[in-house]
mmCIF file of all heavy atoms, coordinates in Angstrom:
data_MODEL
# 
_entry.id   MODEL 
# 
loop_
_atom_site.group_PDB 
_atom_site.id 
_atom_site.type_symbol 
_atom_site.label_atom_id 
_atom_site.label_alt_id 
_atom_site.label_comp_id 
_atom_site.label_asym_id 
_atom_site.label_entity_id 
_atom_site.label_seq_id 
_atom_site.pdbx_PDB_ins_code 
_atom_site.Cartn_x 
_atom_site.Cartn_y 
_atom_site.Cartn_z 
_atom_site.occupancy 
_atom_site.B_iso_or_equiv 
_atom_site.pdbx_formal_charge 
_atom_site.auth_seq_id 
_atom_site.auth_comp_id 
_atom_site.auth_asym_id 
_atom_site.auth_atom_id 
_atom_site.pdbx_PDB_model_num 
ATOM 1   N N   . LEU A 1 1  ? 19.783 64.280 59.699 1.00 0.00 ? 1  LEU A N   1 
ATOM 2   C CA  . LEU A 1 1  ? 20.916 64.169 60.622 1.00 0.00 ? 1  LEU A CA  1 
ATOM 3   C C   . LEU A 1 1  ? 22.159 64.829 60.034 1.00 0.00 ? 1  LEU A C   1 
ATOM 4   O O   . LEU A 1 1  ? 22.922 65.498 60.745 1.00 0.00 ? 1  LEU A O   1 
ATOM 5   C CB  . LEU A 1 1  ? 21.200 62.705 60.927 1.00 0.00 ? 1  LEU A CB  1 
ATOM 6   C CG  . LEU A 1 1  ? 20.229 61.990 61.865 1.00 0.00 ? 1  LEU A CG  1 
ATOM 7   C CD1 . LEU A 1 1  ? 20.666 60.537 62.069 1.00 0.00 ? 1  LEU A CD1 1 
ATOM 8   C CD2 . LEU A 1 1  ? 20.146 62.697 63.216 1.00 0.00 ? 1  LEU A CD2 1 
ATOM 9   N N   . LEU A 1 2  ? 22.353 64.662 58.735 1.00 0.00 ? 2  LEU A N   1 
ATOM 10  C CA  . LEU A 1 2  ? 23.495 65.279 58.072 1.00 0.00 ? 2  LEU A CA  1 
ATOM 11  C C   . LEU A 1 2  ? 23.357 66.802 58.047 1.00 0.00 ? 2  LEU A C   1 
ATOM 12  O O   . LEU A 1 2  ? 24.333 67.536 58.237 1.00 0.00 ? 2  LEU A O   1 
ATOM 13  C CB  . LEU A 1 2  ? 23.636 64.733 56.646 1.00 0.00 ? 2  LEU A CB  1 
ATOM 14  C CG  . LEU A 1 2  ? 23.994 63.254 56.537 1.00 0.00 ? 2  LEU A CG  1 
ATOM 15  C CD1 . LEU A 1 2  ? 23.958 62.800 55.077 1.00 0.00 ? 2  LEU A CD1 1 
ATOM 16  C CD2 . LEU A 1 2  ? 25.366 62.986 57.137 1.00 0.00 ? 2  LEU A CD2 1 
ATOM 17  N N   . PHE A 1 3  ? 22.126 67.290 57.823 1.00 0.00 ? 3  PHE A N   1 
ATOM 18  C CA  . PHE A 1 3  ? 21.887 68.730 57.856 1.00 0.00 ? 3  PHE A CA  1 
ATOM 19  C C   . PHE A 1 3  ? 22.164 69.301 59.247 1.00 0.00 ? 3  PHE A C   1 
ATOM 20  O O   . PHE A 1 3  ? 22.788 70.359 59.393 1.00 0.00 ? 3  PHE A O   1 
ATOM 21  C CB  . PHE A 1 3  ? 20.449 69.045 57.450 1.00 0.00 ? 3  PHE A CB  1 
ATOM 22  C CG  . PHE A 1 3  ? 20.212 68.981 55.967 1.00 0.00 ? 3  PHE A CG  1 
ATOM 23  C CD1 . PHE A 1 3  ? 18.980 68.583 55.460 1.00 0.00 ? 3  PHE A CD1 1 
ATOM 24  C CD2 . PHE A 1 3  ? 21.195 69.325 55.068 1.00 0.00 ? 3  PHE A CD2 1 
ATOM 25  C CE1 . PHE A 1 3  ? 18.748 68.526 54.099 1.00 0.00 ? 3  PHE A CE1 1 
ATOM 26  C CE2 . PHE A 1 3  ? 20.982 69.273 53.699 1.00 0.00 ? 3  PHE A CE2 1 
ATOM 27  C CZ  . PHE A 1 3  ? 19.753 68.865 53.218 1.00 0.00 ? 3  PHE A CZ  1 
ATOM 28  N N   . VAL A 1 4  ? 21.669 68.589 60.267 1.00 0.00 ? 4  VAL A N   1 
ATOM 29  C CA  . VAL A 1 4  ? 21.873 69.042 61.643 1.00 0.00 ? 4  VAL A CA  1 
ATOM 30  C C   . VAL A 1 4  ? 23.360 69.035 61.996 1.00 0.00 ? 4  VAL A C   1 
ATOM 31  O O   . VAL A 1 4  ? 23.869 69.972 62.630 1.00 0.00 ? 4  VAL A O   1 
ATOM 32  C CB  . VAL A 1 4  ? 21.075 68.166 62.632 1.00 0.00 ? 4  VAL A CB  1 
ATOM 33  C CG1 . VAL A 1 4  ? 21.480 68.471 64.074 1.00 0.00 ? 4  VAL A CG1 1 
ATOM 34  C CG2 . VAL A 1 4  ? 19.579 68.385 62.455 1.00 0.00 ? 4  VAL A CG2 1 
ATOM 35  N N   . SER A 1 5  ? 24.073 67.972 61.570 1.00 0.00 ? 5  SER A N   1 
ATOM 36  C CA  . SER A 1 5  ? 25.500 67.895 61.866 1.00 0.00 ? 5  SER A CA  1 
ATOM 37  C C   . SER A 1 5  ? 26.296 68.933 61.092 1.00 0.00 ? 5  SER A C   1 
ATOM 38  O O   . SER A 1 5  ? 27.426 69.255 61.464 1.00 0.00 ? 5  SER A O   1 
ATOM 39  C CB  . SER A 1 5  ? 26.026 66.493 61.535 1.00 0.00 ? 5  SER A CB  1 
ATOM 40  O OG  . SER A 1 5  ? 25.919 66.230 60.147 1.00 0.00 ? 5  SER A OG  1 
ATOM 41  N N   . ASN A 1 6  ? 25.710 69.481 60.024 1.00 0.00 ? 6  ASN A N   1 
ATOM 42  C CA  . ASN A 1 6  ? 26.383 70.498 59.226 1.00 0.00 ? 6  ASN A CA  1 
ATOM 43  C C   . ASN A 1 6  ? 25.974 71.895 59.696 1.00 0.00 ? 6  ASN A C   1 
ATOM 44  O O   . ASN A 1 6  ? 26.722 72.589 60.377 1.00 0.00 ? 6  ASN A O   1 
ATOM 45  C CB  . ASN A 1 6  ? 26.045 70.306 57.746 1.00 0.00 ? 6  ASN A CB  1 
ATOM 46  C CG  . ASN A 1 6  ? 26.921 71.129 56.831 1.00 0.00 ? 6  ASN A CG  1 
ATOM 47  O OD1 . ASN A 1 6  ? 27.679 71.994 57.273 1.00 0.00 ? 6  ASN A OD1 1 
ATOM 48  N ND2 . ASN A 1 6  ? 26.820 70.901 55.545 1.00 0.00 ? 6  ASN A ND2 1 
ATOM 49  N N   . SER A 1 7  ? 24.747 72.292 59.376 1.00 0.00 ? 7  SER A N   1 
ATOM 50  C CA  . SER A 1 7  ? 24.282 73.637 59.736 1.00 0.00 ? 7  SER A CA  1 
ATOM 51  C C   . SER A 1 7  ? 24.079 73.792 61.242 1.00 0.00 ? 7  SER A C   1 
ATOM 52  O O   . SER A 1 7  ? 24.499 74.785 61.845 1.00 0.00 ? 7  SER A O   1 
ATOM 53  C CB  . SER A 1 7  ? 22.966 73.936 59.004 1.00 0.00 ? 7  SER A CB  1 
ATOM 54  O OG  . SER A 1 7  ? 23.159 74.001 57.620 1.00 0.00 ? 7  SER A OG  1 
ATOM 55  N N   . GLY A 1 8  ? 23.413 72.805 61.852 1.00 0.00 ? 8  GLY A N   1 
ATOM 56  C CA  . GLY A 1 8  ? 23.134 72.901 63.287 1.00 0.00 ? 8  GLY A CA  1 
ATOM 57  C C   . GLY A 1 8  ? 24.399 72.934 64.112 1.00 0.00 ? 8  GLY A C   1 
ATOM 58  O O   . GLY A 1 8  ? 24.537 73.756 65.032 1.00 0.00 ? 8  GLY A O   1 
ATOM 59  N N   . ALA A 1 9  ? 25.348 72.047 63.781 1.00 0.00 ? 9  ALA A N   1 
ATOM 60  C CA  . ALA A 1 9  ? 26.601 72.016 64.533 1.00 0.00 ? 9  ALA A CA  1 
ATOM 61  C C   . ALA A 1 9  ? 27.414 73.278 64.313 1.00 0.00 ? 9  ALA A C   1 
ATOM 62  O O   . ALA A 1 9  ? 28.047 73.799 65.245 1.00 0.00 ? 9  ALA A O   1 
ATOM 63  C CB  . ALA A 1 9  ? 27.411 70.779 64.125 1.00 0.00 ? 9  ALA A CB  1 
ATOM 64  N N   . LEU A 1 10 ? 27.401 73.797 63.072 1.00 0.00 ? 10 LEU A N   1 
ATOM 65  C CA  . LEU A 1 10 ? 28.130 75.031 62.778 1.00 0.00 ? 10 LEU A CA  1 
ATOM 66  C C   . LEU A 1 10 ? 27.608 76.184 63.634 1.00 0.00 ? 10 LEU A C   1 
ATOM 67  O O   . LEU A 1 10 ? 28.392 76.925 64.238 1.00 0.00 ? 10 LEU A O   1 
ATOM 68  C CB  . LEU A 1 10 ? 27.995 75.376 61.290 1.00 0.00 ? 10 LEU A CB  1 
ATOM 69  C CG  . LEU A 1 10 ? 28.642 76.689 60.832 1.00 0.00 ? 10 LEU A CG  1 
ATOM 70  C CD1 . LEU A 1 10 ? 30.146 76.634 61.011 1.00 0.00 ? 10 LEU A CD1 1 
ATOM 71  C CD2 . LEU A 1 10 ? 28.290 76.982 59.370 1.00 0.00 ? 10 LEU A CD2 1 
ATOM 72  N N   . CYS A 1 11 ? 26.279 76.314 63.709 1.00 0.00 ? 11 CYS A N   1 
ATOM 73  C CA  . CYS A 1 11 ? 25.681 77.392 64.503 1.00 0.00 ? 11 CYS A CA  1 
ATOM 74  C C   . CYS A 1 11 ? 25.964 77.204 65.993 1.00 0.00 ? 11 CYS A C   1 
ATOM 75  O O   . CYS A 1 11 ? 26.419 78.138 66.675 1.00 0.00 ? 11 CYS A O   1 
ATOM 76  C CB  . CYS A 1 11 ? 24.170 77.443 64.273 1.00 0.00 ? 11 CYS A CB  1 
ATOM 77  S SG  . CYS A 1 11 ? 23.671 77.963 62.621 1.00 0.00 ? 11 CYS A SG  1 
ATOM 78  N N   . SER A 1 12 ? 25.711 76.004 66.504 1.00 0.00 ? 12 SER A N   1 
ATOM 79  C CA  . SER A 1 12 ? 25.836 75.755 67.943 1.00 0.00 ? 12 SER A CA  1 
ATOM 80  C C   . SER A 1 12 ? 27.283 75.864 68.401 1.00 0.00 ? 12 SER A C   1 
ATOM 81  O O   . SER A 1 12 ? 27.583 76.543 69.404 1.00 0.00 ? 12 SER A O   1 
ATOM 82  C CB  . SER A 1 12 ? 25.285 74.366 68.282 1.00 0.00 ? 12 SER A CB  1 
ATOM 83  O OG  . SER A 1 12 ? 23.939 74.250 67.907 1.00 0.00 ? 12 SER A OG  1 
ATOM 84  N N   . PHE A 1 13 ? 28.194 75.201 67.686 1.00 0.00 ? 13 PHE A N   1 
ATOM 85  C CA  . PHE A 1 13 ? 29.602 75.224 68.079 1.00 0.00 ? 13 PHE A CA  1 
ATOM 86  C C   . PHE A 1 13 ? 30.168 76.640 68.001 1.00 0.00 ? 13 PHE A C   1 
ATOM 87  O O   . PHE A 1 13 ? 30.890 77.084 68.903 1.00 0.00 ? 13 PHE A O   1 
ATOM 88  C CB  . PHE A 1 13 ? 30.402 74.280 67.178 1.00 0.00 ? 13 PHE A CB  1 
ATOM 89  C CG  . PHE A 1 13 ? 31.872 74.257 67.478 1.00 0.00 ? 13 PHE A CG  1 
ATOM 90  C CD1 . PHE A 1 13 ? 32.351 73.608 68.608 1.00 0.00 ? 13 PHE A CD1 1 
ATOM 91  C CD2 . PHE A 1 13 ? 32.778 74.899 66.640 1.00 0.00 ? 13 PHE A CD2 1 
ATOM 92  C CE1 . PHE A 1 13 ? 33.724 73.602 68.894 1.00 0.00 ? 13 PHE A CE1 1 
ATOM 93  C CE2 . PHE A 1 13 ? 34.133 74.893 66.917 1.00 0.00 ? 13 PHE A CE2 1 
ATOM 94  C CZ  . PHE A 1 13 ? 34.609 74.242 68.046 1.00 0.00 ? 13 PHE A CZ  1 
ATOM 95  N N   . SER A 1 14 ? 29.830 77.356 66.939 1.00 0.00 ? 14 SER A N   1 
ATOM 96  C CA  . SER A 1 14 ? 30.338 78.725 66.772 1.00 0.00 ? 14 SER A CA  1 
ATOM 97  C C   . SER A 1 14 ? 29.825 79.636 67.881 1.00 0.00 ? 14 SER A C   1 
ATOM 98  O O   . SER A 1 14 ? 30.580 80.464 68.414 1.00 0.00 ? 14 SER A O   1 
ATOM 99  C CB  . SER A 1 14 ? 29.924 79.276 65.404 1.00 0.00 ? 14 SER A CB  1 
ATOM 100 O OG  . SER A 1 14 ? 30.433 78.489 64.362 1.00 0.00 ? 14 SER A OG  1 
ATOM 101 N N   . PHE A 1 15 ? 28.549 79.479 68.236 1.00 0.00 ? 15 PHE A N   1 
ATOM 102 C CA  . PHE A 1 15 ? 27.977 80.316 69.294 1.00 0.00 ? 15 PHE A CA  1 
ATOM 103 C C   . PHE A 1 15 ? 28.659 80.035 70.635 1.00 0.00 ? 15 PHE A C   1 
ATOM 104 O O   . PHE A 1 15 ? 28.972 80.971 71.387 1.00 0.00 ? 15 PHE A O   1 
ATOM 105 C CB  . PHE A 1 15 ? 26.475 80.065 69.400 1.00 0.00 ? 15 PHE A CB  1 
ATOM 106 C CG  . PHE A 1 15 ? 25.786 80.929 70.422 1.00 0.00 ? 15 PHE A CG  1 
ATOM 107 C CD1 . PHE A 1 15 ? 25.667 82.293 70.224 1.00 0.00 ? 15 PHE A CD1 1 
ATOM 108 C CD2 . PHE A 1 15 ? 25.263 80.374 71.575 1.00 0.00 ? 15 PHE A CD2 1 
ATOM 109 C CE1 . PHE A 1 15 ? 25.038 83.098 71.158 1.00 0.00 ? 15 PHE A CE1 1 
ATOM 110 C CE2 . PHE A 1 15 ? 24.629 81.169 72.513 1.00 0.00 ? 15 PHE A CE2 1 
ATOM 111 C CZ  . PHE A 1 15 ? 24.512 82.534 72.306 1.00 0.00 ? 15 PHE A CZ  1 
ATOM 112 N N   . ILE A 1 16 ? 28.906 78.761 70.938 1.00 0.00 ? 16 ILE A N   1 
ATOM 113 C CA  . ILE A 1 16 ? 29.572 78.407 72.196 1.00 0.00 ? 16 ILE A CA  1 
ATOM 114 C C   . ILE A 1 16 ? 30.984 78.987 72.228 1.00 0.00 ? 16 ILE A C   1 
ATOM 115 O O   . ILE A 1 16 ? 31.417 79.557 73.235 1.00 0.00 ? 16 ILE A O   1 
ATOM 116 C CB  . ILE A 1 16 ? 29.611 76.872 72.365 1.00 0.00 ? 16 ILE A CB  1 
ATOM 117 C CG1 . ILE A 1 16 ? 28.190 76.336 72.591 1.00 0.00 ? 16 ILE A CG1 1 
ATOM 118 C CG2 . ILE A 1 16 ? 30.507 76.476 73.528 1.00 0.00 ? 16 ILE A CG2 1 
ATOM 119 C CD1 . ILE A 1 16 ? 28.092 74.824 72.561 1.00 0.00 ? 16 ILE A CD1 1 
ATOM 120 N N   . VAL A 1 17 ? 31.714 78.852 71.118 1.00 0.00 ? 17 VAL A N   1 
ATOM 121 C CA  . VAL A 1 17 ? 33.073 79.393 71.044 1.00 0.00 ? 17 VAL A CA  1 
ATOM 122 C C   . VAL A 1 17 ? 33.070 80.905 71.242 1.00 0.00 ? 17 VAL A C   1 
ATOM 123 O O   . VAL A 1 17 ? 33.893 81.462 71.986 1.00 0.00 ? 17 VAL A O   1 
ATOM 124 C CB  . VAL A 1 17 ? 33.726 79.031 69.689 1.00 0.00 ? 17 VAL A CB  1 
ATOM 125 C CG1 . VAL A 1 17 ? 35.024 79.804 69.487 1.00 0.00 ? 17 VAL A CG1 1 
ATOM 126 C CG2 . VAL A 1 17 ? 33.990 77.536 69.609 1.00 0.00 ? 17 VAL A CG2 1 
ATOM 127 N N   . LEU A 1 18 ? 32.117 81.580 70.597 1.00 0.00 ? 18 LEU A N   1 
ATOM 128 C CA  . LEU A 1 18 ? 32.029 83.041 70.725 1.00 0.00 ? 18 LEU A CA  1 
ATOM 129 C C   . LEU A 1 18 ? 31.739 83.455 72.166 1.00 0.00 ? 18 LEU A C   1 
ATOM 130 O O   . LEU A 1 18 ? 32.376 84.375 72.701 1.00 0.00 ? 18 LEU A O   1 
ATOM 131 C CB  . LEU A 1 18 ? 30.933 83.581 69.800 1.00 0.00 ? 18 LEU A CB  1 
ATOM 132 C CG  . LEU A 1 18 ? 31.277 83.676 68.320 1.00 0.00 ? 18 LEU A CG  1 
ATOM 133 C CD1 . LEU A 1 18 ? 30.040 84.052 67.516 1.00 0.00 ? 18 LEU A CD1 1 
ATOM 134 C CD2 . LEU A 1 18 ? 32.378 84.693 68.080 1.00 0.00 ? 18 LEU A CD2 1 
ATOM 135 N N   . MET A 1 19 ? 30.781 82.791 72.797 1.00 0.00 ? 19 MET A N   1 
ATOM 136 C CA  . MET A 1 19 ? 30.421 83.161 74.167 1.00 0.00 ? 19 MET A CA  1 
ATOM 137 C C   . MET A 1 19 ? 31.576 82.905 75.129 1.00 0.00 ? 19 MET A C   1 
ATOM 138 O O   . MET A 1 19 ? 31.849 83.723 76.029 1.00 0.00 ? 19 MET A O   1 
ATOM 139 C CB  . MET A 1 19 ? 29.179 82.383 74.602 1.00 0.00 ? 19 MET A CB  1 
ATOM 140 C CG  . MET A 1 19 ? 27.891 82.818 73.899 1.00 0.00 ? 19 MET A CG  1 
ATOM 141 S SD  . MET A 1 19 ? 27.466 84.573 74.154 1.00 0.00 ? 19 MET A SD  1 
ATOM 142 C CE  . MET A 1 19 ? 28.030 85.283 72.599 1.00 0.00 ? 19 MET A CE  1 
ATOM 143 N N   . ILE A 1 20 ? 32.286 81.782 74.954 1.00 0.00 ? 20 ILE A N   1 
ATOM 144 C CA  . ILE A 1 20 ? 33.436 81.496 75.819 1.00 0.00 ? 20 ILE A CA  1 
ATOM 145 C C   . ILE A 1 20 ? 34.516 82.555 75.630 1.00 0.00 ? 20 ILE A C   1 
ATOM 146 O O   . ILE A 1 20 ? 35.102 83.053 76.605 1.00 0.00 ? 20 ILE A O   1 
ATOM 147 C CB  . ILE A 1 20 ? 34.002 80.091 75.517 1.00 0.00 ? 20 ILE A CB  1 
ATOM 148 C CG1 . ILE A 1 20 ? 33.010 79.013 75.968 1.00 0.00 ? 20 ILE A CG1 1 
ATOM 149 C CG2 . ILE A 1 20 ? 35.350 79.884 76.211 1.00 0.00 ? 20 ILE A CG2 1 
ATOM 150 C CD1 . ILE A 1 20 ? 33.429 77.603 75.608 1.00 0.00 ? 20 ILE A CD1 1 
ATOM 151 N N   . SER A 1 21 ? 34.766 82.927 74.372 1.00 0.00 ? 21 SER A N   1 
ATOM 152 C CA  . SER A 1 21 ? 35.812 83.920 74.104 1.00 0.00 ? 21 SER A CA  1 
ATOM 153 C C   . SER A 1 21 ? 35.458 85.263 74.728 1.00 0.00 ? 21 SER A C   1 
ATOM 154 O O   . SER A 1 21 ? 36.334 85.929 75.306 1.00 0.00 ? 21 SER A O   1 
ATOM 155 C CB  . SER A 1 21 ? 36.026 84.070 72.598 1.00 0.00 ? 21 SER A CB  1 
ATOM 156 O OG  . SER A 1 21 ? 34.879 84.604 71.966 1.00 0.00 ? 21 SER A OG  1 
ATOM 157 N N   . TYR A 1 22 ? 34.195 85.661 74.654 1.00 0.00 ? 22 TYR A N   1 
ATOM 158 C CA  . TYR A 1 22 ? 33.823 86.956 75.232 1.00 0.00 ? 22 TYR A CA  1 
ATOM 159 C C   . TYR A 1 22 ? 33.784 86.914 76.753 1.00 0.00 ? 22 TYR A C   1 
ATOM 160 O O   . TYR A 1 22 ? 34.041 87.931 77.411 1.00 0.00 ? 22 TYR A O   1 
ATOM 161 C CB  . TYR A 1 22 ? 32.479 87.418 74.669 1.00 0.00 ? 22 TYR A CB  1 
ATOM 162 C CG  . TYR A 1 22 ? 32.614 87.973 73.259 1.00 0.00 ? 22 TYR A CG  1 
ATOM 163 C CD1 . TYR A 1 22 ? 31.943 87.401 72.179 1.00 0.00 ? 22 TYR A CD1 1 
ATOM 164 C CD2 . TYR A 1 22 ? 33.433 89.064 73.007 1.00 0.00 ? 22 TYR A CD2 1 
ATOM 165 C CE1 . TYR A 1 22 ? 32.094 87.901 70.892 1.00 0.00 ? 22 TYR A CE1 1 
ATOM 166 C CE2 . TYR A 1 22 ? 33.587 89.571 71.733 1.00 0.00 ? 22 TYR A CE2 1 
ATOM 167 C CZ  . TYR A 1 22 ? 32.913 88.980 70.676 1.00 0.00 ? 22 TYR A CZ  1 
ATOM 168 O OH  . TYR A 1 22 ? 33.069 89.483 69.405 1.00 0.00 ? 22 TYR A OH  1 
ATOM 169 N N   . ILE A 1 23 ? 33.491 85.762 77.336 1.00 0.00 ? 23 ILE A N   1 
ATOM 170 C CA  . ILE A 1 23 ? 33.567 85.629 78.794 1.00 0.00 ? 23 ILE A CA  1 
ATOM 171 C C   . ILE A 1 23 ? 35.012 85.807 79.248 1.00 0.00 ? 23 ILE A C   1 
ATOM 172 O O   . ILE A 1 23 ? 35.295 86.511 80.225 1.00 0.00 ? 23 ILE A O   1 
ATOM 173 C CB  . ILE A 1 23 ? 33.015 84.259 79.240 1.00 0.00 ? 23 ILE A CB  1 
ATOM 174 C CG1 . ILE A 1 23 ? 31.491 84.220 79.072 1.00 0.00 ? 23 ILE A CG1 1 
ATOM 175 C CG2 . ILE A 1 23 ? 33.378 83.982 80.708 1.00 0.00 ? 23 ILE A CG2 1 
ATOM 176 C CD1 . ILE A 1 23 ? 30.889 82.856 79.314 1.00 0.00 ? 23 ILE A CD1 1 
ATOM 177 N N   . VAL A 1 24 ? 35.945 85.176 78.517 1.00 0.00 ? 24 VAL A N   1 
ATOM 178 C CA  . VAL A 1 24 ? 37.369 85.324 78.837 1.00 0.00 ? 24 VAL A CA  1 
ATOM 179 C C   . VAL A 1 24 ? 37.796 86.775 78.678 1.00 0.00 ? 24 VAL A C   1 
ATOM 180 O O   . VAL A 1 24 ? 38.524 87.329 79.532 1.00 0.00 ? 24 VAL A O   1 
ATOM 181 C CB  . VAL A 1 24 ? 38.215 84.414 77.925 1.00 0.00 ? 24 VAL A CB  1 
ATOM 182 C CG1 . VAL A 1 24 ? 39.706 84.691 78.131 1.00 0.00 ? 24 VAL A CG1 1 
ATOM 183 C CG2 . VAL A 1 24 ? 37.911 82.949 78.192 1.00 0.00 ? 24 VAL A CG2 1 
ATOM 184 N N   . ILE A 1 25 ? 37.332 87.421 77.618 1.00 0.00 ? 25 ILE A N   1 
ATOM 185 C CA  . ILE A 1 25 ? 37.682 88.826 77.383 1.00 0.00 ? 25 ILE A CA  1 
ATOM 186 C C   . ILE A 1 25 ? 37.154 89.714 78.503 1.00 0.00 ? 25 ILE A C   1 
ATOM 187 O O   . ILE A 1 25 ? 37.880 90.565 79.042 1.00 0.00 ? 25 ILE A O   1 
ATOM 188 C CB  . ILE A 1 25 ? 37.128 89.294 76.021 1.00 0.00 ? 25 ILE A CB  1 
ATOM 189 C CG1 . ILE A 1 25 ? 37.872 88.620 74.869 1.00 0.00 ? 25 ILE A CG1 1 
ATOM 190 C CG2 . ILE A 1 25 ? 37.240 90.817 75.890 1.00 0.00 ? 25 ILE A CG2 1 
ATOM 191 C CD1 . ILE A 1 25 ? 37.260 88.876 73.505 1.00 0.00 ? 25 ILE A CD1 1 
# 
């Protein structure tokens, strides 16, 4: 759970932020 909240969350959150930013762009 700690690994998922660290690596998994980093990947998922970053990907969502990137996709939202490029949609806005």
